[in-house]
PDB file of N, CA and C in Angstrom:
ATOM      1  N   MET A   1       0.802  -1.189   0.000  1.00  0.00           N
ATOM      2  CA  MET A   1       0.000   0.000   0.000  1.00  0.00           C
ATOM      3  C   MET A   1       0.848   1.256   0.000  1.00  0.00           C
ATOM      4  N   THR A   2       1.966   1.197   0.702  1.00  0.00           N
ATOM      5  CA  THR A   2       2.805   2.384   0.782  1.00  0.00           C
ATOM      6  C   THR A   2       3.276   2.816  -0.598  1.00  0.00           C
ATOM      7  N   SER A   3       3.679   1.864  -1.416  1.00  0.00           N
ATOM      8  CA  SER A   3       4.190   2.226  -2.745  1.00  0.00           C
ATOM      9  C   SER A   3       3.108   2.837  -3.631  1.00  0.00           C
ATOM     10  N   GLN A   4       1.850   2.524  -3.377  1.00  0.00           N
ATOM     11  CA  GLN A   4       0.762   3.089  -4.172  1.00  0.00           C
ATOM     12  C   GLN A   4       0.218   4.388  -3.596  1.00  0.00           C
ATOM     13  N   LEU A   5       0.068   4.460  -2.282  1.00  0.00           N
ATOM     14  CA  LEU A   5      -0.614   5.599  -1.666  1.00  0.00           C
ATOM     15  C   LEU A   5       0.321   6.643  -1.064  1.00  0.00           C
ATOM     16  N   ALA A   6       1.573   6.262  -0.788  1.00  0.00           N
ATOM     17  CA  ALA A   6       2.519   7.209  -0.184  1.00  0.00           C
ATOM     18  C   ALA A   6       3.944   6.885  -0.642  1.00  0.00           C
ATOM     19  N   PRO A   7       4.210   6.953  -1.946  1.00  0.00           N
ATOM     20  CA  PRO A   7       5.525   6.554  -2.439  1.00  0.00           C
ATOM     21  C   PRO A   7       6.657   7.522  -2.108  1.00  0.00           C
ATOM     22  N   LEU A   8       6.335   8.779  -1.861  1.00  0.00           N
ATOM     23  CA  LEU A   8       7.370   9.776  -1.579  1.00  0.00           C
ATOM     24  C   LEU A   8       7.690   9.818  -0.091  1.00  0.00           C
ATOM     25  N   VAL A   9       8.954  10.044   0.231  1.00  0.00           N
ATOM     26  CA  VAL A   9       9.350  10.136   1.626  1.00  0.00           C
ATOM     27  C   VAL A   9       8.804  11.418   2.243  1.00  0.00           C
ATOM     28  N   THR A  10       8.816  12.509   1.497  1.00  0.00           N
ATOM     29  CA  THR A  10       8.247  13.776   1.961  1.00  0.00           C
ATOM     30  C   THR A  10       7.323  14.332   0.892  1.00  0.00           C
ATOM     31  N   ARG A  11       6.416  15.220   1.314  1.00  0.00           N
ATOM     32  CA  ARG A  11       5.465  15.834   0.382  1.00  0.00           C
ATOM     33  C   ARG A  11       5.409  17.328   0.603  1.00  0.00           C
ATOM     34  N   THR A  12       5.057  18.024  -0.464  1.00  0.00           N
ATOM     35  CA  THR A  12       4.831  19.471  -0.362  1.00  0.00           C
ATOM     36  C   THR A  12       3.363  19.809  -0.605  1.00  0.00           C
ATOM     37  N   LEU A  13       2.604  18.840  -1.078  1.00  0.00           N
ATOM     38  CA  LEU A  13       1.171  19.013  -1.313  1.00  0.00           C
ATOM     39  C   LEU A  13       0.410  17.903  -0.595  1.00  0.00           C
ATOM     40  N   PRO A  14      -0.846  18.133  -0.226  1.00  0.00           N
ATOM     41  CA  PRO A  14      -1.625  17.085   0.441  1.00  0.00           C
ATOM     42  C   PRO A  14      -1.898  15.904  -0.502  1.00  0.00           C
ATOM     43  N   VAL A  15      -2.133  14.750   0.095  1.00  0.00           N
ATOM     44  CA  VAL A  15      -2.526  13.556  -0.663  1.00  0.00           C
ATOM     45  C   VAL A  15      -4.048  13.544  -0.702  1.00  0.00           C
ATOM     46  N   VAL A  16      -4.604  13.460  -1.903  1.00  0.00           N
ATOM     47  CA  VAL A  16      -6.049  13.343  -2.065  1.00  0.00           C
ATOM     48  C   VAL A  16      -6.318  11.956  -2.634  1.00  0.00           C
ATOM     49  N   LEU A  17      -6.929  11.112  -1.817  1.00  0.00           N
ATOM     50  CA  LEU A  17      -7.182   9.727  -2.227  1.00  0.00           C
ATOM     51  C   LEU A  17      -8.399   9.660  -3.138  1.00  0.00           C
ATOM     52  N   PRO A  18      -8.393   8.721  -4.103  1.00  0.00           N
ATOM     53  CA  PRO A  18      -9.556   8.565  -4.979  1.00  0.00           C
ATOM     54  C   PRO A  18     -10.795   8.166  -4.180  1.00  0.00           C
ATOM     55  N   THR A  19     -11.964   8.461  -4.728  1.00  0.00           N
ATOM     56  CA  THR A  19     -13.223   8.183  -4.030  1.00  0.00           C
ATOM     57  C   THR A  19     -13.447   6.691  -3.789  1.00  0.00           C
ATOM     58  N   HIS A  20     -12.881   5.827  -4.619  1.00  0.00           N
ATOM     59  CA  HIS A  20     -13.048   4.386  -4.394  1.00  0.00           C
ATOM     60  C   HIS A  20     -12.124   3.865  -3.287  1.00  0.00           C
ATOM     61  N   THR A  21     -11.167   4.710  -2.857  1.00  0.00           N
ATOM     62  CA  THR A  21     -10.235   4.308  -1.806  1.00  0.00           C
ATOM     63  C   THR A  21     -10.650   4.845  -0.439  1.00  0.00           C
ATOM     64  N   ALA A  22     -11.060   6.110  -0.390  1.00  0.00           N
ATOM     65  CA  ALA A  22     -11.404   6.700   0.906  1.00  0.00           C
ATOM     66  C   ALA A  22     -12.528   7.703   0.754  1.00  0.00           C
ATOM     67  N   PRO A  23     -13.431   7.730   1.678  1.00  0.00           N
ATOM     68  CA  PRO A  23     -13.552   6.788   2.792  1.00  0.00           C
ATOM     69  C   PRO A  23     -14.072   5.432   2.303  1.00  0.00           C
ATOM     70  N   SER A  24     -13.578   4.375   2.905  1.00  0.00           N
ATOM     71  CA  SER A  24     -14.028   3.037   2.516  1.00  0.00           C
ATOM     72  C   SER A  24     -13.759   2.031   3.629  1.00  0.00           C
ATOM     73  N   HIS A  25     -14.444   0.911   3.518  1.00  0.00           N
ATOM     74  CA  HIS A  25     -14.280  -0.227   4.420  1.00  0.00           C
ATOM     75  C   HIS A  25     -14.247  -1.454   3.514  1.00  0.00           C
ATOM     76  N   GLN A  26     -13.086  -2.083   3.400  1.00  0.00           N
ATOM     77  CA  GLN A  26     -12.930  -3.234   2.507  1.00  0.00           C
ATOM     78  C   GLN A  26     -12.539  -4.462   3.317  1.00  0.00           C
ATOM     79  N   THR A  27     -13.292  -5.537   3.135  1.00  0.00           N
ATOM     80  CA  THR A  27     -12.965  -6.814   3.762  1.00  0.00           C
ATOM     81  C   THR A  27     -12.824  -7.852   2.664  1.00  0.00           C
ATOM     82  N   ARG A  28     -11.719  -8.578   2.705  1.00  0.00           N
ATOM     83  CA  ARG A  28     -11.482  -9.645   1.739  1.00  0.00           C
ATOM     84  C   ARG A  28     -11.195 -10.925   2.507  1.00  0.00           C
ATOM     85  N   ILE A  29     -11.844 -12.001   2.075  1.00  0.00           N
ATOM     86  CA  ILE A  29     -11.616 -13.309   2.678  1.00  0.00           C
ATOM     87  C   ILE A  29     -11.045 -14.206   1.604  1.00  0.00           C
ATOM     88  N   LEU A  30      -9.870 -14.763   1.884  1.00  0.00           N
ATOM     89  CA  LEU A  30      -9.214 -15.664   0.943  1.00  0.00           C
ATOM     90  C   LEU A  30      -9.179 -17.062   1.535  1.00  0.00           C
ATOM     91  N   ARG A  31      -9.495 -18.048   0.740  1.00  0.00           N
ATOM     92  CA  ARG A  31      -9.350 -19.442   1.154  1.00  0.00           C
ATOM     93  C   ARG A  31      -8.136 -19.977   0.386  1.00  0.00           C
ATOM     94  N   ILE A  32      -7.134 -20.406   1.133  1.00  0.00           N
ATOM     95  CA  ILE A  32      -5.922 -20.944   0.522  1.00  0.00           C
ATOM     96  C   ILE A  32      -5.977 -22.455   0.660  1.00  0.00           C
ATOM     97  N   MET A  33      -5.967 -23.129  -0.472  1.00  0.00           N
ATOM     98  CA  MET A  33      -6.049 -24.594  -0.492  1.00  0.00           C
ATOM     99  C   MET A  33      -4.704 -25.130  -0.985  1.00  0.00           C
ATOM    100  N   PRO A  34      -4.000 -25.884  -0.150  1.00  0.00           N
ATOM    101  CA  PRO A  34      -2.700 -26.404  -0.569  1.00  0.00           C
ATOM    102  C   PRO A  34      -2.851 -27.555  -1.562  1.00  0.00           C
ATOM    103  N   PRO A  35      -1.777 -27.873  -2.276  1.00  0.00           N
ATOM    104  CA  PRO A  35      -1.827 -29.026  -3.167  1.00  0.00           C
ATOM    105  C   PRO A  35      -1.988 -30.324  -2.366  1.00  0.00           C
ATOM    106  N   GLU A  36      -2.422 -31.343  -3.035  1.00  0.00           N
ATOM    107  CA  GLU A  36      -2.598 -32.660  -2.410  1.00  0.00           C
ATOM    108  C   GLU A  36      -1.298 -33.078  -1.735  1.00  0.00           C
ATOM    109  N   GLY A  37      -1.408 -33.612  -0.519  1.00  0.00           N
ATOM    110  CA  GLY A  37      -0.233 -34.074   0.210  1.00  0.00           C
ATOM    111  C   GLY A  37       0.405 -33.000   1.091  1.00  0.00           C
ATOM    112  N   PHE A  38      -0.158 -31.797   1.096  1.00  0.00           N
ATOM    113  CA  PHE A  38       0.373 -30.711   1.917  1.00  0.00           C
ATOM    114  C   PHE A  38      -0.701 -30.204   2.865  1.00  0.00           C
ATOM    115  N   ALA A  39      -0.257 -29.626   3.973  1.00  0.00           N
ATOM    116  CA  ALA A  39      -1.165 -29.016   4.942  1.00  0.00           C
ATOM    117  C   ALA A  39      -0.463 -27.797   5.524  1.00  0.00           C
ATOM    118  N   ALA A  40      -1.235 -26.917   6.121  1.00  0.00           N
ATOM    119  CA  ALA A  40      -0.672 -25.697   6.696  1.00  0.00           C
ATOM    120  C   ALA A  40       0.271 -26.039   7.843  1.00  0.00           C
ATOM    121  N   ALA A  41       1.416 -25.381   7.840  1.00  0.00           N
ATOM    122  CA  ALA A  41       2.329 -25.473   8.971  1.00  0.00           C
ATOM    123  C   ALA A  41       1.783 -24.537  10.047  1.00  0.00           C
ATOM    124  N   GLU A  42       2.588 -24.168  11.005  1.00  0.00           N
ATOM    125  CA  GLU A  42       2.123 -23.249  12.047  1.00  0.00           C
ATOM    126  C   GLU A  42       1.715 -21.926  11.402  1.00  0.00           C
ATOM    127  N   LEU A  43       0.536 -21.455  11.753  1.00  0.00           N
ATOM    128  CA  LEU A  43       0.016 -20.231  11.153  1.00  0.00           C
ATOM    129  C   LEU A  43       0.586 -18.998  11.854  1.00  0.00           C
ATOM    130  N   PRO A  44       0.859 -17.941  11.081  1.00  0.00           N
ATOM    131  CA  PRO A  44       1.340 -16.707  11.698  1.00  0.00           C
ATOM    132  C   PRO A  44       0.210 -16.025  12.467  1.00  0.00           C
ATOM    133  N   PRO A  45       0.553 -15.183  13.406  1.00  0.00           N
ATOM    134  CA  PRO A  45      -0.499 -14.484  14.147  1.00  0.00           C
ATOM    135  C   PRO A  45      -1.149 -13.410  13.282  1.00  0.00           C
ATOM    136  N   GLY A  46      -2.392 -13.142  13.562  1.00  0.00           N
ATOM    137  CA  GLY A  46      -3.059 -12.014  12.921  1.00  0.00           C
ATOM    138  C   GLY A  46      -2.653 -10.748  13.644  1.00  0.00           C
ATOM    139  N   GLY A  47      -3.448  -9.723  13.508  1.00  0.00           N
ATOM    140  CA  GLY A  47      -3.113  -8.500  14.223  1.00  0.00           C
ATOM    141  C   GLY A  47      -3.995  -7.344  13.815  1.00  0.00           C
ATOM    142  N   GLU A  48      -3.730  -6.226  14.432  1.00  0.00           N
ATOM    143  CA  GLU A  48      -4.502  -5.005  14.217  1.00  0.00           C
ATOM    144  C   GLU A  48      -3.524  -3.840  14.151  1.00  0.00           C
ATOM    145  N   GLU A  49      -3.744  -2.940  13.209  1.00  0.00           N
ATOM    146  CA  GLU A  49      -2.971  -1.699  13.119  1.00  0.00           C
ATOM    147  C   GLU A  49      -3.939  -0.533  13.142  1.00  0.00           C
ATOM    148  N   SER A  50      -3.930   0.190  14.234  1.00  0.00           N
ATOM    149  CA  SER A  50      -4.807   1.350  14.346  1.00  0.00           C
ATOM    150  C   SER A  50      -4.085   2.566  13.790  1.00  0.00           C
ATOM    151  N   GLY A  51      -4.773   3.272  12.928  1.00  0.00           N
ATOM    152  CA  GLY A  51      -4.213   4.484  12.353  1.00  0.00           C
ATOM    153  C   GLY A  51      -4.874   5.726  12.905  1.00  0.00           C
ATOM    154  N   GLY A  52      -5.616   5.583  14.003  1.00  0.00           N
ATOM    155  CA  GLY A  52      -6.298   6.739  14.570  1.00  0.00           C
ATOM    156  C   GLY A  52      -7.275   7.336  13.579  1.00  0.00           C
ATOM    157  N   GLU A  53      -7.111   8.600  13.276  1.00  0.00           N
ATOM    158  CA  GLU A  53      -8.031   9.281  12.364  1.00  0.00           C
ATOM    159  C   GLU A  53      -7.914   8.801  10.918  1.00  0.00           C
ATOM    160  N   PHE A  54      -6.797   8.123  10.566  1.00  0.00           N
ATOM    161  CA  PHE A  54      -6.631   7.622   9.195  1.00  0.00           C
ATOM    162  C   PHE A  54      -7.505   6.397   8.924  1.00  0.00           C
ATOM    163  N   GLY A  55      -7.684   5.545   9.947  1.00  0.00           N
ATOM    164  CA  GLY A  55      -8.459   4.323   9.781  1.00  0.00           C
ATOM    165  C   GLY A  55      -7.863   3.184  10.581  1.00  0.00           C
ATOM    166  N   ARG A  56      -8.050   1.966  10.093  1.00  0.00           N
ATOM    167  CA  ARG A  56      -7.510   0.794  10.788  1.00  0.00           C
ATOM    168  C   ARG A  56      -7.362  -0.359   9.803  1.00  0.00           C
ATOM    169  N   ALA A  57      -6.571  -1.340  10.217  1.00  0.00           N
ATOM    170  CA  ALA A  57      -6.405  -2.562   9.425  1.00  0.00           C
ATOM    171  C   ALA A  57      -6.419  -3.747  10.385  1.00  0.00           C
ATOM    172  N   HIS A  58      -6.980  -4.853   9.930  1.00  0.00           N
ATOM    173  CA  HIS A  58      -7.101  -6.048  10.767  1.00  0.00           C
ATOM    174  C   HIS A  58      -6.812  -7.271   9.905  1.00  0.00           C
ATOM    175  N   LEU A  59      -6.068  -8.223  10.474  1.00  0.00           N
ATOM    176  CA  LEU A  59      -5.752  -9.477   9.783  1.00  0.00           C
ATOM    177  C   LEU A  59      -6.066 -10.641  10.699  1.00  0.00           C
ATOM    178  N   GLU A  60      -6.786 -11.625  10.156  1.00  0.00           N
ATOM    179  CA  GLU A  60      -7.128 -12.842  10.896  1.00  0.00           C
ATOM    180  C   GLU A  60      -6.748 -14.030  10.018  1.00  0.00           C
ATOM    181  N   ILE A  61      -5.986 -14.963  10.584  1.00  0.00           N
ATOM    182  CA  ILE A  61      -5.562 -16.160   9.848  1.00  0.00           C
ATOM    183  C   ILE A  61      -5.939 -17.370  10.693  1.00  0.00           C
ATOM    184  N   ARG A  62      -6.716 -18.291  10.086  1.00  0.00           N
ATOM    185  CA  ARG A  62      -7.135 -19.484  10.837  1.00  0.00           C
ATOM    186  C   ARG A  62      -7.380 -20.638   9.879  1.00  0.00           C
ATOM    187  N   ARG A  63      -7.425 -21.815  10.451  1.00  0.00           N
ATOM    188  CA  ARG A  63      -7.738 -23.001   9.647  1.00  0.00           C
ATOM    189  C   ARG A  63      -9.215 -22.963   9.282  1.00  0.00           C
ATOM    190  N   ASP A  64      -9.546 -23.414   8.095  1.00  0.00           N
ATOM    191  CA  ASP A  64     -10.930 -23.435   7.618  1.00  0.00           C
ATOM    192  C   ASP A  64     -11.641 -24.620   8.258  1.00  0.00           C
ATOM    193  N   PRO A  65     -12.654 -24.376   9.091  1.00  0.00           N
ATOM    194  CA  PRO A  65     -13.334 -25.499   9.743  1.00  0.00           C
ATOM    195  C   PRO A  65     -14.085 -26.386   8.758  1.00  0.00           C
ATOM    196  N   GLY A  66     -14.422 -25.886   7.587  1.00  0.00           N
ATOM    197  CA  GLY A  66     -15.171 -26.669   6.609  1.00  0.00           C
ATOM    198  C   GLY A  66     -14.305 -27.501   5.671  1.00  0.00           C
ATOM    199  N   ARG A  67     -13.015 -27.217   5.619  1.00  0.00           N
ATOM    200  CA  ARG A  67     -12.104 -27.954   4.731  1.00  0.00           C
ATOM    201  C   ARG A  67     -10.823 -28.250   5.509  1.00  0.00           C
ATOM    202  N   ALA A  68     -10.522 -29.518   5.631  1.00  0.00           N
ATOM    203  CA  ALA A  68      -9.464 -29.970   6.539  1.00  0.00           C
ATOM    204  C   ALA A  68      -8.120 -29.281   6.341  1.00  0.00           C
ATOM    205  N   ARG A  69      -7.641 -29.117   5.135  1.00  0.00           N
ATOM    206  CA  ARG A  69      -6.289 -28.597   4.912  1.00  0.00           C
ATOM    207  C   ARG A  69      -6.257 -27.113   4.577  1.00  0.00           C
ATOM    208  N   ALA A  70      -7.411 -26.494   4.366  1.00  0.00           N
ATOM    209  CA  ALA A  70      -7.479 -25.108   3.906  1.00  0.00           C
ATOM    210  C   ALA A  70      -7.245 -24.106   5.043  1.00  0.00           C
ATOM    211  N   VAL A  71      -6.839 -22.913   4.646  1.00  0.00           N
ATOM    212  CA  VAL A  71      -6.613 -21.811   5.571  1.00  0.00           C
ATOM    213  C   VAL A  71      -7.452 -20.624   5.106  1.00  0.00           C
ATOM    214  N   LEU A  72      -8.097 -19.952   6.057  1.00  0.00           N
ATOM    215  CA  LEU A  72      -8.858 -18.741   5.751  1.00  0.00           C
ATOM    216  C   LEU A  72      -8.063 -17.521   6.214  1.00  0.00           C
ATOM    217  N   VAL A  73      -7.947 -16.545   5.333  1.00  0.00           N
ATOM    218  CA  VAL A  73      -7.282 -15.290   5.652  1.00  0.00           C
ATOM    219  C   VAL A  73      -8.310 -14.186   5.449  1.00  0.00           C
ATOM    220  N   LYS A  74      -8.600 -13.463   6.516  1.00  0.00           N
ATOM    221  CA  LYS A  74      -9.561 -12.357   6.440  1.00  0.00           C
ATOM    222  C   LYS A  74      -8.799 -11.065   6.703  1.00  0.00           C
ATOM    223  N   ARG A  75      -8.832 -10.166   5.724  1.00  0.00           N
ATOM    224  CA  ARG A  75      -8.142  -8.891   5.873  1.00  0.00           C
ATOM    225  C   ARG A  75      -9.120  -7.748   5.682  1.00  0.00           C
ATOM    226  N   THR A  76      -9.095  -6.838   6.624  1.00  0.00           N
ATOM    227  CA  THR A  76      -9.983  -5.680   6.600  1.00  0.00           C
ATOM    228  C   THR A  76      -9.134  -4.420   6.661  1.00  0.00           C
ATOM    229  N   VAL A  77      -9.418  -3.495   5.750  1.00  0.00           N
ATOM    230  CA  VAL A  77      -8.740  -2.203   5.754  1.00  0.00           C
ATOM    231  C   VAL A  77      -9.814  -1.119   5.685  1.00  0.00           C
ATOM    232  N   VAL A  78      -9.746  -0.180   6.611  1.00  0.00           N
ATOM    233  CA  VAL A  78     -10.695   0.928   6.674  1.00  0.00           C
ATOM    234  C   VAL A  78      -9.912   2.228   6.524  1.00  0.00           C
ATOM    235  N   PHE A  79     -10.297   3.027   5.542  1.00  0.00           N
ATOM    236  CA  PHE A  79      -9.731   4.363   5.353  1.00  0.00           C
ATOM    237  C   PHE A  79     -10.814   5.366   5.714  1.00  0.00           C
ATOM    238  N   ASP A  80     -10.545   6.208   6.702  1.00  0.00           N
ATOM    239  CA  ASP A  80     -11.513   7.199   7.136  1.00  0.00           C
ATOM    240  C   ASP A  80     -11.266   8.581   6.535  1.00  0.00           C
ATOM    241  N   MET A  81      -9.998   8.918   6.301  1.00  0.00           N
ATOM    242  CA  MET A  81      -9.666  10.238   5.754  1.00  0.00           C
ATOM    243  C   MET A  81      -9.423  10.152   4.248  1.00  0.00           C
ATOM    244  N   SER A  82      -9.972  11.092   3.513  1.00  0.00           N
ATOM    245  CA  SER A  82      -9.750  11.094   2.067  1.00  0.00           C
ATOM    246  C   SER A  82      -8.681  12.096   1.646  1.00  0.00           C
ATOM    247  N   THR A  83      -8.377  13.048   2.504  1.00  0.00           N
ATOM    248  CA  THR A  83      -7.319  14.016   2.217  1.00  0.00           C
ATOM    249  C   THR A  83      -6.337  14.021   3.387  1.00  0.00           C
ATOM    250  N   ILE A  84      -5.069  13.778   3.070  1.00  0.00           N
ATOM    251  CA  ILE A  84      -4.027  13.728   4.085  1.00  0.00           C
ATOM    252  C   ILE A  84      -3.214  15.016   3.983  1.00  0.00           C
ATOM    253  N   PRO A  85      -3.299  15.890   4.976  1.00  0.00           N
ATOM    254  CA  PRO A  85      -2.534  17.138   4.938  1.00  0.00           C
ATOM    255  C   PRO A  85      -1.025  16.867   5.000  1.00  0.00           C
ATOM    256  N   VAL A  86      -0.261  17.793   4.478  1.00  0.00           N
ATOM    257  CA  VAL A  86       1.201  17.644   4.445  1.00  0.00           C
ATOM    258  C   VAL A  86       1.758  17.385   5.840  1.00  0.00           C
ATOM    259  N   GLN A  87       1.274  18.079   6.851  1.00  0.00           N
ATOM    260  CA  GLN A  87       1.816  17.917   8.207  1.00  0.00           C
ATOM    261  C   GLN A  87       1.511  16.546   8.811  1.00  0.00           C
ATOM    262  N   LYS A  88       0.560  15.787   8.243  1.00  0.00           N
ATOM    263  CA  LYS A  88       0.231  14.448   8.748  1.00  0.00           C
ATOM    264  C   LYS A  88       0.769  13.342   7.834  1.00  0.00           C
ATOM    265  N   TYR A  89       1.439  13.725   6.758  1.00  0.00           N
ATOM    266  CA  TYR A  89       1.903  12.744   5.771  1.00  0.00           C
ATOM    267  C   TYR A  89       2.875  11.728   6.371  1.00  0.00           C
ATOM    268  N   GLU A  90       3.806  12.175   7.198  1.00  0.00           N
ATOM    269  CA  GLU A  90       4.787  11.257   7.779  1.00  0.00           C
ATOM    270  C   GLU A  90       4.092  10.173   8.615  1.00  0.00           C
ATOM    271  N   ALA A  91       3.128  10.570   9.428  1.00  0.00           N
ATOM    272  CA  ALA A  91       2.376   9.601  10.241  1.00  0.00           C
ATOM    273  C   ALA A  91       1.540   8.686   9.348  1.00  0.00           C
ATOM    274  N   TRP A  92       0.942   9.225   8.299  1.00  0.00           N
ATOM    275  CA  TRP A  92       0.155   8.450   7.324  1.00  0.00           C
ATOM    276  C   TRP A  92       1.024   7.378   6.672  1.00  0.00           C
ATOM    277  N   ARG A  93       2.198   7.788   6.220  1.00  0.00           N
ATOM    278  CA  ARG A  93       3.118   6.860   5.543  1.00  0.00           C
ATOM    279  C   ARG A  93       3.592   5.766   6.510  1.00  0.00           C
ATOM    280  N   ALA A  94       3.890   6.142   7.745  1.00  0.00           N
ATOM    281  CA  ALA A  94       4.323   5.156   8.747  1.00  0.00           C
ATOM    282  C   ALA A  94       3.221   4.135   9.013  1.00  0.00           C
ATOM    283  N   TRP A  95       1.974   4.595   9.085  1.00  0.00           N
ATOM    284  CA  TRP A  95       0.851   3.679   9.290  1.00  0.00           C
ATOM    285  C   TRP A  95       0.710   2.727   8.101  1.00  0.00           C
ATOM    286  N   LEU A  96       0.823   3.238   6.888  1.00  0.00           N
ATOM    287  CA  LEU A  96       0.739   2.372   5.707  1.00  0.00           C
ATOM    288  C   LEU A  96       1.851   1.327   5.710  1.00  0.00           C
ATOM    289  N   GLN A  97       3.036   1.686   6.144  1.00  0.00           N
ATOM    290  CA  GLN A  97       4.133   0.718   6.220  1.00  0.00           C
ATOM    291  C   GLN A  97       3.827  -0.374   7.244  1.00  0.00           C
ATOM    292  N   ARG A  98       3.197  -0.009   8.344  1.00  0.00           N
ATOM    293  CA  ARG A  98       2.805  -1.023   9.335  1.00  0.00           C
ATOM    294  C   ARG A  98       1.717  -1.940   8.775  1.00  0.00           C
ATOM    295  N   ILE A  99       0.792  -1.374   7.997  1.00  0.00           N
ATOM    296  CA  ILE A  99      -0.234  -2.202   7.342  1.00  0.00           C
ATOM    297  C   ILE A  99       0.432  -3.178   6.381  1.00  0.00           C
ATOM    298  N   ASP A 100       1.390  -2.697   5.586  1.00  0.00           N
ATOM    299  CA  ASP A 100       2.108  -3.579   4.651  1.00  0.00           C
ATOM    300  C   ASP A 100       2.751  -4.746   5.400  1.00  0.00           C
ATOM    301  N   ALA A 101       3.404  -4.457   6.512  1.00  0.00           N
ATOM    302  CA  ALA A 101       4.043  -5.520   7.298  1.00  0.00           C
ATOM    303  C   ALA A 101       3.007  -6.506   7.823  1.00  0.00           C
ATOM    304  N   LEU A 102       1.870  -6.010   8.272  1.00  0.00           N
ATOM    305  CA  LEU A 102       0.807  -6.871   8.791  1.00  0.00           C
ATOM    306  C   LEU A 102       0.233  -7.769   7.692  1.00  0.00           C
ATOM    307  N   LEU A 103      -0.092  -7.193   6.546  1.00  0.00           N
ATOM    308  CA  LEU A 103      -0.783  -7.935   5.494  1.00  0.00           C
ATOM    309  C   LEU A 103       0.151  -8.833   4.669  1.00  0.00           C
ATOM    310  N   HIS A 104       1.449  -8.724   4.869  1.00  0.00           N
ATOM    311  CA  HIS A 104       2.382  -9.561   4.117  1.00  0.00           C
ATOM    312  C   HIS A 104       2.910 -10.740   4.924  1.00  0.00           C
ATOM    313  N   ARG A 105       2.205 -11.120   5.957  1.00  0.00           N
ATOM    314  CA  ARG A 105       2.612 -12.306   6.709  1.00  0.00           C
ATOM    315  C   ARG A 105       2.381 -13.543   5.854  1.00  0.00           C
ATOM    316  N   SER A 106       3.299 -14.501   5.944  1.00  0.00           N
ATOM    317  CA  SER A 106       3.276 -15.674   5.066  1.00  0.00           C
ATOM    318  C   SER A 106       2.578 -16.869   5.708  1.00  0.00           C
ATOM    319  N   VAL A 107       1.800 -17.564   4.896  1.00  0.00           N
ATOM    320  CA  VAL A 107       1.214 -18.840   5.287  1.00  0.00           C
ATOM    321  C   VAL A 107       2.037 -19.910   4.584  1.00  0.00           C
ATOM    322  N   ARG A 108       2.612 -20.810   5.348  1.00  0.00           N
ATOM    323  CA  ARG A 108       3.477 -21.843   4.777  1.00  0.00           C
ATOM    324  C   ARG A 108       2.786 -23.202   4.866  1.00  0.00           C
ATOM    325  N   PHE A 109       3.066 -24.026   3.865  1.00  0.00           N
ATOM    326  CA  PHE A 109       2.523 -25.373   3.819  1.00  0.00           C
ATOM    327  C   PHE A 109       3.670 -26.365   3.819  1.00  0.00           C
ATOM    328  N   ALA A 110       3.445 -27.499   4.461  1.00  0.00           N
ATOM    329  CA  ALA A 110       4.453 -28.546   4.566  1.00  0.00           C
ATOM    330  C   ALA A 110       3.835 -29.865   4.137  1.00  0.00           C
ATOM    331  N   PRO A 111       4.664 -30.795   3.676  1.00  0.00           N
ATOM    332  CA  PRO A 111       4.128 -32.125   3.334  1.00  0.00           C
ATOM    333  C   PRO A 111       3.445 -32.744   4.540  1.00  0.00           C
ATOM    334  N   VAL A 112       2.334 -33.421   4.327  1.00  0.00           N
ATOM    335  CA  VAL A 112       1.609 -34.075   5.411  1.00  0.00           C
ATOM    336  C   VAL A 112       2.529 -35.121   6.019  1.00  0.00           C
ATOM    337  N   GLY A 113       2.585 -35.112   7.347  1.00  0.00           N
ATOM    338  CA  GLY A 113       3.447 -36.063   8.052  1.00  0.00           C
ATOM    339  C   GLY A 113       4.808 -35.479   8.400  1.00  0.00           C
ATOM    340  N   ALA A 114       5.165 -34.328   7.823  1.00  0.00           N
ATOM    341  CA  ALA A 114       6.439 -33.703   8.164  1.00  0.00           C
ATOM    342  C   ALA A 114       6.311 -33.074   9.541  1.00  0.00           C
ATOM    343  N   ARG A 115       7.358 -33.146  10.311  1.00  0.00           N
ATOM    344  CA  ARG A 115       7.328 -32.547  11.636  1.00  0.00           C
ATOM    345  C   ARG A 115       7.397 -31.033  11.511  1.00  0.00           C
ATOM    346  N   ALA A 116       6.715 -30.361  12.423  1.00  0.00           N
ATOM    347  CA  ALA A 116       6.749 -28.894  12.425  1.00  0.00           C
ATOM    348  C   ALA A 116       8.179 -28.431  12.649  1.00  0.00           C
ATOM    349  N   GLY A 117       8.634 -27.521  11.823  1.00  0.00           N
ATOM    350  CA  GLY A 117       9.971 -26.965  11.957  1.00  0.00           C
ATOM    351  C   GLY A 117      11.056 -27.780  11.279  1.00  0.00           C
ATOM    352  N   SER A 118      10.720 -28.939  10.692  1.00  0.00           N
ATOM    353  CA  SER A 118      11.743 -29.734  10.015  1.00  0.00           C
ATOM    354  C   SER A 118      12.058 -29.124   8.661  1.00  0.00           C
ATOM    355  N   LYS A 119      13.302 -29.264   8.230  1.00  0.00           N
ATOM    356  CA  LYS A 119      13.770 -28.676   6.975  1.00  0.00           C
ATOM    357  C   LYS A 119      13.520 -29.590   5.779  1.00  0.00           C
ATOM    358  N   GLY A 120      13.243 -30.844   6.024  1.00  0.00           N
ATOM    359  CA  GLY A 120      13.026 -31.783   4.919  1.00  0.00           C
ATOM    360  C   GLY A 120      14.342 -32.385   4.469  1.00  0.00           C
ATOM    361  N   PRO A 121      14.330 -33.167   3.335  1.00  0.00           N
ATOM    362  CA  PRO A 121      15.557 -33.846   2.898  1.00  0.00           C
ATOM    363  C   PRO A 121      16.603 -32.899   2.394  1.00  0.00           C
TER     364      PRO A 121
END
């Protein structure tokens, strides 16, 4: 998100977000199904990033109760401000970087029967 919404380190003009971006509340649920013979290894923790007046982001990662090997990833991003003043840009950019770190957590799959944490052959 940072590279799209706040690519510059500093700004001299306010950021005006497109109407489809802010204000908005977007929730996406992804079902990740591993190939046959694989299952999810230890899942990373979810989390929350509060941006105060900018909005918030939430990530939830869990096993799919309806499908034995599948993983559900639910990500919610809320943008409350549509115009970011120059004096708040640094805080805005820092929040977007924290969202990027939160939403880029990896879900790993391992061969069924492999011990957790084993490197394999």
